[in-house]
């Protein structure tokens, strides 16, 4: 079954704001050892996670303090299975809605 990227226009606006904040946060670190993901990859990772078994509270994620925000976004990016859109390594974002069964 192909990965779903189904999302609403309102979710798209929030995901874009999340991606922008995350990339700005990485840029502000000014650390040459940290390679920032592409805007497209990060957007697709968050939407795939949200649409394939781990619904996210995107508003909550966007308003998280920096530590929790970076934890969730980097965790999603690093643990998404791009063939299924599901999270691996038992990672469950702090902004996951309820008992999503995200970890596999």
Protein backbone atom coordinates (compact mmCIF):
# COMPACT_ATOMS: atom_id res chain seq x y z
CA UNK A 1 0.00 0.00 0.00
CA UNK A 2 1.47 3.39 -0.94
CA UNK A 3 2.25 6.03 1.66
CA UNK A 4 -0.61 8.47 2.18
CA UNK A 5 0.04 12.19 2.16
CA UNK A 6 -3.60 13.14 2.75
CA UNK A 7 -3.94 16.33 4.77
CA UNK A 8 -6.04 19.45 4.94
CA UNK A 9 -5.14 22.95 3.85
CA UNK A 10 -5.04 24.04 7.51
CA UNK A 11 -2.64 21.18 8.31
CA UNK A 12 -0.48 22.21 5.37
CA UNK A 13 -0.16 25.73 6.77
CA UNK A 14 0.88 24.35 10.18
CA UNK A 15 3.37 21.89 8.67
CA UNK A 16 5.00 24.67 6.66
CA UNK A 17 5.30 26.79 9.82
CA UNK A 18 6.81 23.81 11.68
CA UNK A 19 9.32 23.15 8.90
CA UNK A 20 10.32 26.82 8.73
CA UNK A 21 10.79 27.02 12.50
CA UNK A 22 12.86 23.82 12.57
CA UNK A 23 15.12 24.87 9.70
CA UNK A 24 15.58 28.32 11.25
CA UNK A 25 16.47 26.67 14.58
CA UNK A 26 19.10 24.49 12.88
CA UNK A 27 20.51 27.49 11.03
CA UNK A 28 20.81 29.43 14.29
CA UNK A 29 22.99 26.67 15.77
CA UNK A 30 25.70 27.55 13.27
CA UNK A 31 27.08 24.01 13.55
CA UNK A 32 28.78 22.65 10.45
CA UNK A 33 28.38 19.08 11.78
CA UNK A 34 24.57 19.31 11.65
CA UNK A 35 23.20 18.77 8.17
CA UNK A 36 19.74 20.23 7.72
CA UNK A 37 17.20 18.16 5.82
CA UNK A 38 15.65 19.62 2.71
CA UNK A 39 12.40 21.54 3.16
CA UNK A 40 10.62 19.02 0.92
CA UNK A 41 11.94 15.95 2.79
CA UNK A 42 11.00 17.36 6.17
CA UNK A 43 7.53 18.42 4.97
CA UNK A 44 6.88 14.98 3.51
CA UNK A 45 8.17 13.23 6.65
CA UNK A 46 5.82 15.15 8.96
CA UNK A 47 2.80 14.72 6.68
CA UNK A 48 3.54 11.01 6.14
CA UNK A 49 3.83 10.46 9.89
CA UNK A 50 0.58 12.34 10.49
CA UNK A 51 -1.34 10.51 7.74
CA UNK A 52 -0.04 6.96 8.27
CA UNK A 53 -0.75 5.86 11.81
CA UNK A 54 0.58 8.59 14.10
CA UNK A 55 -1.77 11.57 13.97
CA UNK A 56 -0.04 14.63 15.36
CA UNK A 57 -1.37 17.63 17.22
CA UNK A 58 0.30 20.01 14.79
CA UNK A 59 -0.74 23.12 16.70
CA UNK A 60 0.77 21.72 19.89
CA UNK A 61 3.96 20.76 18.05
CA UNK A 62 4.31 24.24 16.57
CA UNK A 63 3.93 25.89 19.97
CA UNK A 64 6.22 23.52 21.90
CA UNK A 65 9.26 24.92 23.71
CA UNK A 66 12.43 24.51 21.63
CA UNK A 67 13.66 21.32 23.34
CA UNK A 68 10.39 19.40 22.84
CA UNK A 69 9.92 20.84 19.37
CA UNK A 70 13.36 19.75 18.16
CA UNK A 71 12.93 16.35 19.86
CA UNK A 72 9.72 15.63 17.95
CA UNK A 73 10.70 17.00 14.54
CA UNK A 74 14.16 15.45 14.50
CA UNK A 75 12.71 12.19 15.84
CA UNK A 76 10.11 12.05 13.08
CA UNK A 77 12.68 12.88 10.42
CA UNK A 78 15.16 10.32 11.72
CA UNK A 79 12.72 7.49 12.34
CA UNK A 80 10.18 7.63 9.51
CA UNK A 81 10.05 4.62 7.23
CA UNK A 82 9.60 6.27 3.86
CA UNK A 83 8.19 3.08 2.33
CA UNK A 84 5.29 2.94 4.80
CA UNK A 85 5.02 6.40 6.40
CA UNK A 86 5.21 4.77 9.83
CA UNK A 87 7.60 5.56 12.65
CA UNK A 88 10.21 2.99 13.64
CA UNK A 89 12.42 2.28 16.67
CA UNK A 90 9.49 2.68 19.08
CA UNK A 91 9.60 6.46 18.67
CA UNK A 92 6.41 8.26 19.69
CA UNK A 93 6.42 12.05 19.33
CA UNK A 94 5.37 14.04 22.37
CA UNK A 95 2.74 15.73 20.19
CA UNK A 96 1.14 12.44 19.09
CA UNK A 97 -2.62 12.47 19.52
CA UNK A 98 -3.71 9.89 22.10
CA UNK A 99 -2.73 6.25 21.72
CA UNK A 100 -1.70 6.30 18.08
CA UNK A 101 0.23 3.04 18.05
CA UNK A 102 3.02 4.93 16.31
CA UNK A 103 5.94 2.91 17.55
CA UNK A 104 6.85 -0.21 15.65
